[in-house]
Amino acid sequence: MSLVQMIRRNARCRSGALGLVHGPHAYLWPQVEDRVSGLAGALQGMGVGRGDRVSILADNSHRYVELIYACAWLGAVIVPLNHRLAEPELAAILEDAGASVLLADDAYLPVARRLAEGVAGLREVLRAGDGPGPAELADYEARLAAAPRIPPADVGMQDLAGIFYTGGTSGTPKGVMHTHANLWFMAFSYATMMEMTEDTVSLCSSPLFHVAATCALIPAFVVGGCVVVLPRFDAGEALAAIEAHGVTLANFVPSMFRMLLDHPSVGTTDLRTLRQLIYGAAPMAPALLDEILERFEGIRIHHAYGMTELTACITILPSKWNRPEHREAGRWRSAGQSVLSCDVAIHDPDGRTLPPGERGEIVARGPLVMAGYWNRPEQTAEALRGGWMHTGDVGWMDEDGFVYVIDRLKDMIISGGENVYASEVEAAMLSLPGVNMAAAIGVPHPKWGEAVHGVVVLDRGARLTEAEIIAHCRTRIAGYKIPRSVAFRETMPMSGVNKILKRELLRDYLAAREDQAMEA
């Protein structure tokens, strides 16, 4: 059993159904199997074998999906690259992973060629694109067409399937190792809890270099559904794809929902096939949640929580708790309950499980937990101490197992000796009508050590002042948590998976303060 079993099964049992769509490229399941096995044969001809690492620097495409499964077919290991990283960062990841082949699409081909010149052990660049490319480079479609269709390798569930590098938003990226079992259990848990069937049409618009995007891919393949791939998220293209392909399930972060609702075509697009929406990665403003429920009438919207080390998500909030008639219970503020194949608990610093209601670190164990960090045994031992994956997130659990995420431990602001969780400040700011996005960071303060600084993006046409935001927060949170200052921005700096880059907000704050000091 490995990831390829689902490809082979669907080719037999769903032979007349579409499995993969990307723009004009639409493949029935037997065609998906043929292309995956052919690409595996092409990689084998390039010297790739079991356990070898194959990397990819590209936007989402059908070829990206095919490479993931071709590596699994061979028993090789996929290493997706975040295309937003700088070349030195990409080179460091390729060297750390020991990648031997790099696939790149036309958008990133110049970068890939420079990386191939400087990274030891990187033997070949495989160009993936439509139409002719540079003659001196191996061409994806030509190699696939000429390659033998090979049988899958004898790969087991505990074999390594992929190395997903963390975003590096707070330090050097680490390679998170996931086995075939990790991805299988994620897929089964997710598909079951989302009630996915062979009629599911899943939209994959989040970048496939992040493990969270596999929730839009692998579970749909497990049940024999169809995946519609967008190169990257674009609100207009996402709406058009939902209508054109009858999408039933989509995963977005709150900022994506905002862009969808603000798009001029949202009112004229037929979205009636959509049955399920999933959000995560950032807090959801109550006003935005209400707007989503109003626009997508009858939709079920779930909140998912997880991290790269936990194969995407470990808790899911059933949609019922997001609806207005159940808001009074307060569970819409939670991340939900643990998924089927994961045990979640709250621990104190000494590793003891805390009772309901007490705050501590969120920990998890089970088959969703990574095999470890690539080439980092000490950090692996630290993260997995006591048999639990330590998330670095602070939270609490109620008596029914609903998990409430408060904040990242590293995002905690210590002001005057008091612990301030940035997420609580952000939730207070987001509850003010007119606030579209919000972030809270700790900035240097001569008396308190750190002070809370708010950063806000307003809704289009909204008019709010710093004093109004601070006054509103005063009605929601304790005095020591209230922002001492608020800055307004047109946009937020975002990571490749649409998380706010707080280190850049702090850098901009410090630079502005230095400029003011020089002018004085």
Protein backbone atom coordinates (compact mmCIF):
# COMPACT_ATOMS: atom_id res chain seq x y z
CA MET A 1 0.00 0.00 0.00
CA SER A 2 1.25 3.45 -0.96
CA LEU A 3 -0.16 6.63 -2.46
CA VAL A 4 -0.23 5.03 -5.90
CA GLN A 5 -2.87 2.49 -4.85
CA MET A 6 -5.57 5.16 -5.18
CA ILE A 7 -4.42 5.96 -8.72
CA ARG A 8 -4.54 2.31 -9.77
CA ARG A 9 -7.90 1.68 -8.13
CA ASN A 10 -9.53 4.73 -9.72
CA ALA A 11 -8.17 3.79 -13.14
CA ARG A 12 -10.00 0.45 -12.82
CA CYS A 13 -13.14 1.44 -10.93
CA ARG A 14 -13.66 4.99 -12.26
CA SER A 15 -12.42 4.54 -15.80
CA GLY A 16 -14.99 6.84 -17.37
CA ALA A 17 -14.65 9.66 -14.81
CA LEU A 18 -12.47 12.74 -14.82
CA GLY A 19 -9.71 12.66 -12.22
CA LEU A 20 -7.62 15.76 -12.91
CA VAL A 21 -8.36 19.10 -14.57
CA HIS A 22 -6.02 22.04 -15.17
CA GLY A 23 -7.08 24.68 -17.68
CA PRO A 24 -7.54 22.96 -21.06
CA HIS A 25 -6.00 19.73 -19.74
CA ALA A 26 -8.63 17.25 -18.53
CA TYR A 27 -7.74 13.61 -17.87
CA LEU A 28 -9.86 10.56 -17.19
CA TRP A 29 -8.55 8.24 -14.49
CA PRO A 30 -6.87 5.77 -16.91
CA GLN A 31 -5.07 8.74 -18.48
CA VAL A 32 -3.93 9.94 -15.06
CA GLU A 33 -2.49 6.48 -14.36
CA ASP A 34 -0.80 6.37 -17.77
CA ARG A 35 0.84 9.77 -17.33
CA VAL A 36 1.97 9.04 -13.75
CA SER A 37 3.50 5.68 -14.66
CA GLY A 38 5.11 7.23 -17.75
CA LEU A 39 6.60 10.08 -15.75
CA ALA A 40 7.92 7.53 -13.25
CA GLY A 41 9.57 5.73 -16.16
CA ALA A 42 11.07 9.00 -17.39
CA LEU A 43 12.46 9.79 -13.93
CA GLN A 44 13.90 6.29 -13.68
CA GLY A 45 15.62 6.91 -17.02
CA MET A 46 17.14 10.05 -15.48
CA GLY A 47 18.70 7.97 -12.71
CA VAL A 48 16.06 8.53 -10.01
CA GLY A 49 15.51 5.55 -7.75
CA ARG A 50 13.95 4.60 -4.48
CA GLY A 51 14.62 7.12 -1.73
CA ASP A 52 16.07 9.75 -4.10
CA ARG A 53 14.77 13.29 -3.71
CA VAL A 54 13.09 15.06 -6.62
CA SER A 55 12.27 18.75 -6.22
CA ILE A 56 9.84 21.06 -7.98
CA LEU A 57 9.76 24.84 -8.40
CA ALA A 58 6.51 25.71 -10.11
CA ASP A 59 2.99 27.04 -9.86
CA ASN A 60 0.21 24.50 -9.38
CA SER A 61 -0.56 22.42 -12.46
CA HIS A 62 -1.58 18.93 -13.54
CA ARG A 63 2.14 18.22 -13.97
CA TYR A 64 2.78 19.18 -10.33
CA VAL A 65 0.19 16.58 -9.25
CA GLU A 66 1.62 13.99 -11.63
CA LEU A 67 5.12 14.50 -10.21
CA ILE A 68 3.91 13.96 -6.64
CA TYR A 69 2.43 10.61 -7.62
CA ALA A 70 5.24 9.63 -10.01
CA CYS A 71 7.69 9.99 -7.11
CA ALA A 72 5.43 7.78 -5.01
CA TRP A 73 5.25 5.30 -7.93
CA LEU A 74 9.05 5.04 -7.96
CA GLY A 75 9.49 5.12 -4.20
CA ALA A 76 11.27 8.47 -4.58
CA VAL A 77 10.65 11.50 -2.34
CA ILE A 78 8.99 14.72 -3.53
CA VAL A 79 10.50 18.00 -2.24
CA PRO A 80 8.25 20.95 -3.16
CA LEU A 81 9.88 24.40 -3.14
CA ASN A 82 8.25 27.64 -2.02
CA HIS A 83 8.66 29.84 -5.10
CA ARG A 84 8.46 32.97 -2.96
CA LEU A 85 11.82 32.24 -1.36
CA ALA A 86 15.00 33.97 -2.49
CA GLU A 87 17.51 32.01 -4.56
CA PRO A 88 19.97 31.50 -1.67
CA GLU A 89 17.13 30.08 0.43
CA LEU A 90 16.09 27.74 -2.39
CA ALA A 91 19.68 26.63 -2.89
CA ALA A 92 20.01 25.89 0.84
CA ILE A 93 16.89 23.69 0.75
CA LEU A 94 18.05 21.79 -2.36
CA GLU A 95 21.43 21.15 -0.76
CA ASP A 96 19.88 20.13 2.55
CA ALA A 97 17.48 17.71 0.84
CA GLY A 98 20.12 16.37 -1.54
CA ALA A 99 17.80 16.70 -4.54
CA SER A 100 19.09 15.15 -7.76
CA VAL A 101 16.44 16.40 -10.22
CA LEU A 102 14.59 19.71 -10.25
CA LEU A 103 11.39 20.17 -12.22
CA ALA A 104 10.55 23.78 -13.09
CA ASP A 105 7.83 25.41 -15.14
CA ASP A 106 8.49 28.29 -17.51
CA ALA A 107 7.82 30.96 -14.87
CA TYR A 108 10.74 29.76 -12.72
CA LEU A 109 13.00 28.23 -15.35
CA PRO A 110 15.68 30.97 -15.21
CA VAL A 111 15.95 30.56 -11.43
CA ALA A 112 16.07 26.76 -11.76
CA ARG A 113 18.91 26.93 -14.27
CA ARG A 114 20.97 29.16 -12.00
CA LEU A 115 20.30 26.81 -9.07
CA ALA A 116 21.46 23.83 -11.14
CA GLU A 117 24.79 25.58 -11.74
CA GLY A 118 25.42 26.20 -8.05
CA VAL A 119 23.88 23.28 -6.13
CA ALA A 120 26.08 20.23 -5.76
CA GLY A 121 24.35 16.96 -6.59
CA LEU A 122 21.59 18.54 -8.66
CA ARG A 123 22.09 16.64 -11.91
CA GLU A 124 19.32 17.79 -14.16
CA VAL A 125 16.54 20.34 -14.66
CA LEU A 126 13.32 19.01 -16.18
CA ARG A 127 11.35 21.72 -17.94
CA ALA A 128 7.56 21.45 -17.57
CA GLY A 129 5.48 23.60 -19.90
CA ASP A 130 3.36 23.76 -23.01
CA GLY A 131 5.09 24.20 -26.36
CA PRO A 132 8.80 24.10 -27.15
CA GLY A 133 11.44 25.06 -24.60
CA PRO A 134 15.24 25.38 -24.53
CA ALA A 135 16.73 22.55 -26.60
CA GLU A 136 19.46 21.80 -24.06
CA LEU A 137 16.96 21.03 -21.27
CA ALA A 138 15.04 17.82 -20.72
CA ASP A 139 11.40 18.39 -21.69
CA TYR A 140 8.63 16.96 -19.50
CA GLU A 141 6.15 16.05 -22.21
CA ALA A 142 8.79 14.65 -24.57
CA ARG A 143 10.36 12.48 -21.87
CA LEU A 144 6.93 11.29 -20.71
CA ALA A 145 5.83 10.36 -24.23
CA ALA A 146 9.00 8.35 -24.88
CA ALA A 147 9.26 6.66 -21.49
CA PRO A 148 8.18 3.09 -20.71
CA ARG A 149 5.15 2.67 -18.46
CA ILE A 150 6.66 0.93 -15.47
CA PRO A 151 4.97 -0.99 -12.63
CA PRO A 152 4.97 0.69 -9.22
CA ALA A 153 7.80 -0.01 -6.82
CA ASP A 154 7.22 -2.17 -3.76
CA VAL A 155 6.74 0.78 -1.43
CA GLY A 156 5.41 0.43 2.11
CA MET A 157 3.34 2.72 4.28
CA GLN A 158 6.33 3.69 6.42
CA ASP A 159 8.45 4.72 3.43
CA LEU A 160 9.12 8.41 3.03
CA ALA A 161 6.80 10.12 0.54
CA GLY A 162 7.74 13.78 0.82
CA ILE A 163 9.81 16.43 2.56
CA PHE A 164 7.83 19.62 3.09
CA TYR A 165 9.93 22.55 4.24
CA THR A 166 8.42 24.87 6.81
CA GLY A 167 7.78 28.45 5.73
CA GLY A 168 10.81 29.91 7.45
CA THR A 169 8.76 32.92 8.60
CA SER A 170 10.50 32.81 11.97
CA GLY A 171 13.78 31.08 11.18
CA THR A 172 15.59 28.65 8.90
CA PRO A 173 13.18 26.29 7.08
CA LYS A 174 13.14 22.71 8.38
CA GLY A 175 12.38 19.69 6.21
CA VAL A 176 9.32 17.91 7.61
CA MET A 177 9.33 14.22 6.64
CA HIS A 178 5.99 12.62 5.81
CA THR A 179 5.51 8.95 5.07
CA HIS A 180 2.91 7.32 2.84
CA ALA A 181 1.06 6.39 6.05
CA ASN A 182 0.97 10.02 7.19
CA LEU A 183 -0.66 11.13 3.96
CA TRP A 184 -3.02 8.13 3.79
CA PHE A 185 -4.35 8.66 7.30
CA MET A 186 -4.75 12.39 6.65
CA ALA A 187 -6.72 11.63 3.50
CA PHE A 188 -9.01 9.06 5.16
CA SER A 189 -9.71 11.28 8.17
CA TYR A 190 -10.36 14.35 6.06
CA ALA A 191 -12.50 12.57 3.46
CA THR A 192 -14.62 10.92 6.14
CA MET A 193 -15.21 14.06 8.20
CA MET A 194 -15.93 16.13 5.07
CA GLU A 195 -18.29 13.41 3.78
CA MET A 196 -16.42 13.28 0.47
CA THR A 197 -17.59 10.83 -2.24
CA GLU A 198 -16.76 9.94 -5.83
CA ASP A 199 -18.95 12.92 -6.81
CA THR A 200 -16.64 15.34 -5.01
CA VAL A 201 -15.04 17.99 -7.20
CA SER A 202 -12.28 19.63 -5.16
CA LEU A 203 -10.72 22.99 -6.03
CA CYS A 204 -6.96 23.14 -5.44
CA SER A 205 -5.93 26.81 -5.47
CA SER A 206 -3.52 26.97 -2.52
CA PRO A 207 0.15 26.37 -3.38
CA LEU A 208 1.08 22.70 -3.53
CA PHE A 209 4.47 23.44 -1.98
CA HIS A 210 2.56 23.58 1.32
CA VAL A 211 1.25 20.37 2.87
CA ALA A 212 -2.12 22.02 3.60
CA ALA A 213 -2.88 22.02 -0.14
CA THR A 214 -2.73 18.23 -0.10
CA CYS A 215 -6.09 18.33 1.73
CA ALA A 216 -7.61 19.52 -1.54
CA LEU A 217 -5.80 16.81 -3.49
CA ILE A 218 -5.18 13.47 -1.80
CA PRO A 219 -8.57 12.98 -0.05
CA ALA A 220 -10.39 13.63 -3.33
CA PHE A 221 -8.19 11.04 -5.05
CA VAL A 222 -8.83 8.54 -2.24
CA VAL A 223 -12.59 8.62 -2.84
CA GLY A 224 -12.26 8.68 -6.64
CA GLY A 225 -13.39 12.28 -7.02
CA CYS A 226 -11.97 14.97 -9.29
CA VAL A 227 -9.43 17.69 -8.56
CA VAL A 228 -9.52 21.01 -10.40
CA VAL A 229 -6.14 22.74 -10.19
CA LEU A 230 -5.57 26.50 -10.43
CA PRO A 231 -1.99 27.74 -10.96
CA ARG A 232 -2.39 30.06 -7.99
CA PHE A 233 -5.28 31.71 -6.21
CA ASP A 234 -7.10 34.39 -8.17
CA ALA A 235 -10.61 35.32 -7.05
CA GLY A 236 -12.02 35.67 -10.56
CA GLU A 237 -10.45 32.43 -11.77
CA ALA A 238 -11.63 30.58 -8.67
CA LEU A 239 -15.22 31.73 -9.17
CA ALA A 240 -15.09 30.81 -12.86
CA ALA A 241 -13.68 27.35 -12.06
CA ILE A 242 -16.40 26.67 -9.49
CA GLU A 243 -19.07 27.43 -12.07
CA ALA A 244 -17.40 25.72 -15.04
CA HIS A 245 -16.48 22.45 -13.31
CA GLY A 246 -19.22 22.13 -10.70
CA VAL A 247 -16.81 22.39 -7.76
CA THR A 248 -18.33 20.98 -4.57
CA LEU A 249 -15.52 21.60 -2.05
CA ALA A 250 -12.92 24.35 -1.65
CA ASN A 251 -10.30 25.36 0.93
CA PHE A 252 -9.53 29.04 1.52
CA VAL A 253 -7.97 31.25 4.18
CA PRO A 254 -9.97 34.29 5.39
CA SER A 255 -8.11 36.74 3.14
CA MET A 256 -9.10 34.64 0.11
CA PHE A 257 -12.77 34.73 1.16
CA ARG A 258 -12.55 38.52 1.35
CA MET A 259 -11.20 38.67 -2.20
CA LEU A 260 -13.93 36.33 -3.46
CA LEU A 261 -16.70 38.38 -1.89
CA ASP A 262 -15.25 41.64 -3.22
CA HIS A 263 -14.90 40.35 -6.79
CA PRO A 264 -17.32 41.98 -9.26
CA SER A 265 -18.46 38.63 -10.71
CA VAL A 266 -19.42 37.02 -7.40
CA GLY A 267 -23.04 38.13 -7.80
CA THR A 268 -23.43 36.67 -11.29
CA THR A 269 -21.52 33.40 -10.85
CA ASP A 270 -23.46 30.16 -10.40
CA LEU A 271 -22.11 28.72 -7.15
CA ARG A 272 -24.92 26.29 -6.46
CA THR A 273 -22.74 23.17 -6.71
CA LEU A 274 -20.61 24.28 -3.73
CA ARG A 275 -21.48 22.20 -0.70
CA GLN A 276 -18.50 22.59 1.61
CA LEU A 277 -16.00 25.34 2.40
CA ILE A 278 -13.03 24.94 4.73
CA TYR A 279 -10.98 27.75 6.23
CA GLY A 280 -7.92 27.95 8.44
CA ALA A 281 -4.49 29.55 8.93
CA ALA A 282 -5.87 32.82 10.34
CA PRO A 283 -8.73 34.10 12.54
CA MET A 284 -12.10 34.64 10.88
CA ALA A 285 -13.83 37.94 11.61
CA PRO A 286 -17.48 37.39 12.67
CA ALA A 287 -18.71 39.90 10.09
CA LEU A 288 -16.84 38.05 7.33
CA LEU A 289 -18.25 34.71 8.46
CA ASP A 290 -21.79 36.13 8.33
CA GLU A 291 -21.15 37.55 4.87
CA ILE A 292 -19.92 34.16 3.62
CA LEU A 293 -22.97 32.35 5.02
CA GLU A 294 -25.28 34.91 3.43
CA ARG A 295 -23.63 34.78 -0.02
CA PHE A 296 -23.14 31.00 -0.12
CA GLU A 297 -26.63 30.08 0.97
CA GLY A 298 -26.96 26.62 2.46
CA ILE A 299 -23.20 26.05 2.47
CA ARG A 300 -21.43 24.09 5.18
CA ILE A 301 -18.32 25.94 6.35
CA HIS A 302 -15.76 24.27 8.59
CA HIS A 303 -12.70 25.50 10.45
CA ALA A 304 -9.58 23.31 10.24
CA TYR A 305 -6.46 23.63 12.39
CA GLY A 306 -3.06 22.05 11.93
CA MET A 307 0.53 22.55 10.88
CA THR A 308 3.11 21.12 8.49
CA GLU A 309 4.43 18.68 11.10
CA LEU A 310 0.93 17.23 11.54
CA THR A 311 0.10 16.52 7.89
CA ALA A 312 -2.15 19.54 7.50
CA CYS A 313 -5.03 19.40 10.01
CA ILE A 314 -5.63 17.69 13.35
CA THR A 315 -8.95 19.31 14.32
CA ILE A 316 -12.08 20.22 12.35
CA LEU A 317 -15.00 22.32 13.56
CA PRO A 318 -18.32 20.99 12.23
CA SER A 319 -20.21 23.60 10.22
CA LYS A 320 -23.18 23.69 12.58
CA TRP A 321 -21.23 25.71 15.15
CA ASN A 322 -20.50 28.46 12.64
CA ARG A 323 -24.16 29.18 12.00
CA PRO A 324 -25.78 32.16 13.77
CA GLU A 325 -28.32 30.01 15.66
CA HIS A 326 -25.46 28.18 17.42
CA ARG A 327 -23.10 31.11 17.97
CA GLU A 328 -24.24 31.66 21.53
CA ALA A 329 -22.51 28.42 22.54
CA GLY A 330 -19.21 30.07 21.58
CA ARG A 331 -17.85 27.00 19.84
CA TRP A 332 -17.49 28.87 16.55
CA ARG A 333 -14.41 30.43 18.17
CA SER A 334 -12.83 26.99 18.53
CA ALA A 335 -10.79 24.98 16.03
CA GLY A 336 -13.10 22.02 16.54
CA GLN A 337 -12.47 18.49 17.75
CA SER A 338 -9.67 16.10 16.87
CA VAL A 339 -9.89 14.29 13.54
CA LEU A 340 -10.42 10.53 13.49
CA SER A 341 -6.77 9.45 13.52
CA CYS A 342 -5.28 11.93 15.97
CA ASP A 343 -5.11 12.29 19.74
CA VAL A 344 -4.96 15.92 20.91
CA ALA A 345 -4.23 17.16 24.44
CA ILE A 346 -3.16 20.24 26.38
CA HIS A 347 0.11 19.91 28.31
CA ASP A 348 1.84 21.99 30.93
CA PRO A 349 5.61 22.69 30.65
CA ASP A 350 6.37 19.44 32.50
CA GLY A 351 4.42 17.31 30.01
CA ARG A 352 1.38 16.72 32.21
CA THR A 353 -2.07 16.68 30.61
CA LEU A 354 -4.13 19.60 31.84
CA PRO A 355 -7.85 19.39 32.72
CA PRO A 356 -10.55 21.12 30.63
CA GLY A 357 -10.36 24.90 30.71
CA GLU A 358 -6.69 25.23 31.61
CA ARG A 359 -4.24 26.84 29.20
CA GLY A 360 -1.14 25.04 28.00
CA GLU A 361 0.62 23.83 24.89
CA ILE A 362 -1.40 21.96 22.26
CA VAL A 363 0.17 18.54 21.60
CA ALA A 364 -0.81 15.67 19.32
CA ARG A 365 0.09 12.06 18.63
CA GLY A 366 -0.94 9.41 16.16
CA PRO A 367 -0.33 8.48 12.50
CA LEU A 368 -0.64 12.09 11.32
CA VAL A 369 2.53 13.11 13.16
CA MET A 370 5.61 13.56 11.00
CA ALA A 371 8.44 11.05 10.92
CA GLY A 372 10.79 13.86 11.97
CA TYR A 373 12.86 16.72 10.60
CA TRP A 374 15.21 15.84 7.75
CA ASN A 375 18.85 15.82 8.94
CA ARG A 376 17.87 17.34 12.33
CA PRO A 377 17.80 14.60 14.96
CA GLU A 378 18.08 16.95 17.95
CA GLN A 379 15.20 19.16 16.83
CA THR A 380 13.18 16.03 16.04
CA ALA A 381 13.74 14.69 19.55
CA GLU A 382 12.75 18.02 21.06
CA ALA A 383 9.56 18.36 19.00
CA LEU A 384 8.49 14.73 19.59
CA ARG A 385 9.51 14.42 23.24
CA GLY A 386 7.37 12.13 25.33
CA GLY A 387 5.74 10.66 22.24
CA TRP A 388 3.78 13.84 21.47
CA MET A 389 4.27 16.45 18.76
CA HIS A 390 4.65 19.80 20.49
CA THR A 391 2.95 22.38 18.30
CA GLY A 392 4.27 25.53 19.97
CA ASP A 393 0.67 26.77 20.11
CA VAL A 394 -1.06 27.82 23.32
CA GLY A 395 -4.66 26.75 23.81
CA TRP A 396 -7.22 25.05 25.98
CA MET A 397 -9.83 22.33 25.59
CA ASP A 398 -13.38 22.23 26.86
CA GLU A 399 -15.09 19.24 28.44
CA ASP A 400 -16.33 18.02 25.04
CA GLY A 401 -12.92 18.07 23.37
CA PHE A 402 -13.27 21.35 21.46
CA VAL A 403 -9.83 22.93 21.11
CA TYR A 404 -9.44 26.70 21.43
CA VAL A 405 -6.21 28.02 19.93
CA ILE A 406 -5.01 31.16 21.67
CA ASP A 407 -1.72 31.92 19.97
CA ARG A 408 1.73 30.79 18.95
CA LEU A 409 4.06 30.67 21.95
CA LYS A 410 6.57 32.68 19.92
CA ASP A 411 3.93 35.34 19.11
CA MET A 412 3.22 36.02 22.76
CA ILE A 413 3.94 39.62 23.76
CA ILE A 414 5.27 40.23 27.27
CA SER A 415 4.31 43.73 28.37
CA GLY A 416 5.14 44.82 31.89
CA GLY A 417 5.46 41.20 32.95
CA GLU A 418 2.01 40.28 31.62
CA ASN A 419 1.52 37.72 28.85
CA VAL A 420 -0.46 39.13 25.93
CA TYR A 421 -1.55 36.73 23.20
CA ALA A 422 -1.54 38.48 19.84
CA SER A 423 -4.57 36.52 18.63
CA GLU A 424 -6.76 37.97 21.39
CA VAL A 425 -5.80 41.50 20.38
CA GLU A 426 -6.37 40.66 16.72
CA ALA A 427 -9.80 39.22 17.47
CA ALA A 428 -10.74 42.43 19.29
CA MET A 429 -9.66 44.60 16.36
CA LEU A 430 -11.40 42.32 13.82
CA SER A 431 -14.69 42.59 15.73
CA LEU A 432 -14.89 46.29 14.80
CA PRO A 433 -16.91 46.77 11.58
CA GLY A 434 -14.68 48.18 8.87
CA VAL A 435 -11.57 46.22 9.88
CA ASN A 436 -10.65 43.79 7.11
CA MET A 437 -7.34 42.37 8.41
CA ALA A 438 -5.51 42.85 11.69
CA ALA A 439 -2.21 41.87 13.26
CA ALA A 440 -0.70 42.53 16.69
CA ILE A 441 3.03 42.58 17.35
CA GLY A 442 5.27 43.41 20.30
CA VAL A 443 7.43 46.49 19.82
CA PRO A 444 10.19 47.84 22.11
CA HIS A 445 9.03 50.02 25.00
CA PRO A 446 11.37 51.77 27.50
CA LYS A 447 9.15 51.09 30.51
CA TRP A 448 7.17 47.94 29.75
CA GLY A 449 9.80 46.06 27.75
CA GLU A 450 7.30 45.43 24.97
CA ALA A 451 4.16 47.30 23.98
CA VAL A 452 1.29 46.03 21.87
CA HIS A 453 1.22 47.57 18.39
CA GLY A 454 -1.72 46.97 16.06
CA VAL A 455 -1.57 46.89 12.28
CA VAL A 456 -4.83 47.14 10.35
CA VAL A 457 -6.14 46.95 6.79
CA LEU A 458 -9.58 48.55 6.44
CA ASP A 459 -12.47 47.52 4.24
CA ARG A 460 -12.78 49.45 1.02
CA GLY A 461 -14.39 52.81 1.80
CA ALA A 462 -14.15 52.38 5.60
CA ARG A 463 -13.04 55.33 7.73
CA LEU A 464 -11.55 54.54 11.13
CA THR A 465 -8.96 56.28 13.28
CA GLU A 466 -6.31 54.95 15.62
CA ALA A 467 -8.27 56.31 18.58
CA GLU A 468 -11.46 54.55 17.48
CA ILE A 469 -9.73 51.19 17.19
CA ILE A 470 -8.06 51.55 20.57
CA ALA A 471 -11.35 52.63 22.17
CA HIS A 472 -13.14 49.62 20.68
CA CYS A 473 -10.46 47.24 21.98
CA ARG A 474 -10.92 48.78 25.44
CA THR A 475 -14.48 47.39 25.46
CA ARG A 476 -13.30 43.89 24.50
CA ILE A 477 -10.02 43.06 26.25
CA ALA A 478 -8.09 43.89 29.42
CA GLY A 479 -6.26 47.20 29.65
CA TYR A 480 -2.77 45.71 29.45
CA LYS A 481 -3.69 43.98 26.16
CA ILE A 482 -4.93 47.09 24.37
CA PRO A 483 -2.75 48.35 21.49
CA ARG A 484 -0.74 51.40 22.47
CA SER A 485 -0.48 52.37 18.83
CA VAL A 486 -2.13 51.38 15.55
CA ALA A 487 -0.78 51.65 12.01
CA PHE A 488 -2.84 51.47 8.83
CA ARG A 489 -1.74 49.69 5.68
CA GLU A 490 -3.20 49.11 2.23
CA THR A 491 -2.08 45.47 2.26
CA MET A 492 -0.38 43.02 4.59
CA PRO A 493 2.87 41.22 3.78
CA MET A 494 1.81 37.63 3.26
CA SER A 495 3.61 34.29 3.14
CA GLY A 496 3.19 31.78 0.34
CA VAL A 497 0.25 30.26 2.21
CA ASN A 498 -1.37 33.63 2.92
CA LYS A 499 -0.30 34.06 6.52
CA ILE A 500 0.66 37.54 7.71
CA LEU A 501 4.44 37.95 7.98
CA LYS A 502 4.76 39.61 11.37
CA ARG A 503 8.53 39.83 11.19
CA GLU A 504 8.11 42.18 8.21
CA LEU A 505 5.59 44.28 10.14
CA LEU A 506 8.11 44.60 12.99
CA ARG A 507 10.89 45.47 10.55
CA ASP A 508 8.75 48.20 8.97
CA TYR A 509 7.82 49.57 12.40
CA LEU A 510 11.44 49.75 13.52
CA ALA A 511 12.53 51.34 10.22
CA ALA A 512 9.81 54.01 10.48
CA ARG A 513 10.79 54.79 14.07
CA GLU A 514 14.44 55.13 13.06
CA ASP A 515 13.46 57.53 10.25
CA GLN A 516 11.45 59.63 12.70
CA ALA A 517 14.41 59.78 15.10
CA MET A 518 16.73 60.95 12.32
CA GLU A 519 14.28 63.66 11.23
CA ALA A 520 14.00 64.90 14.81
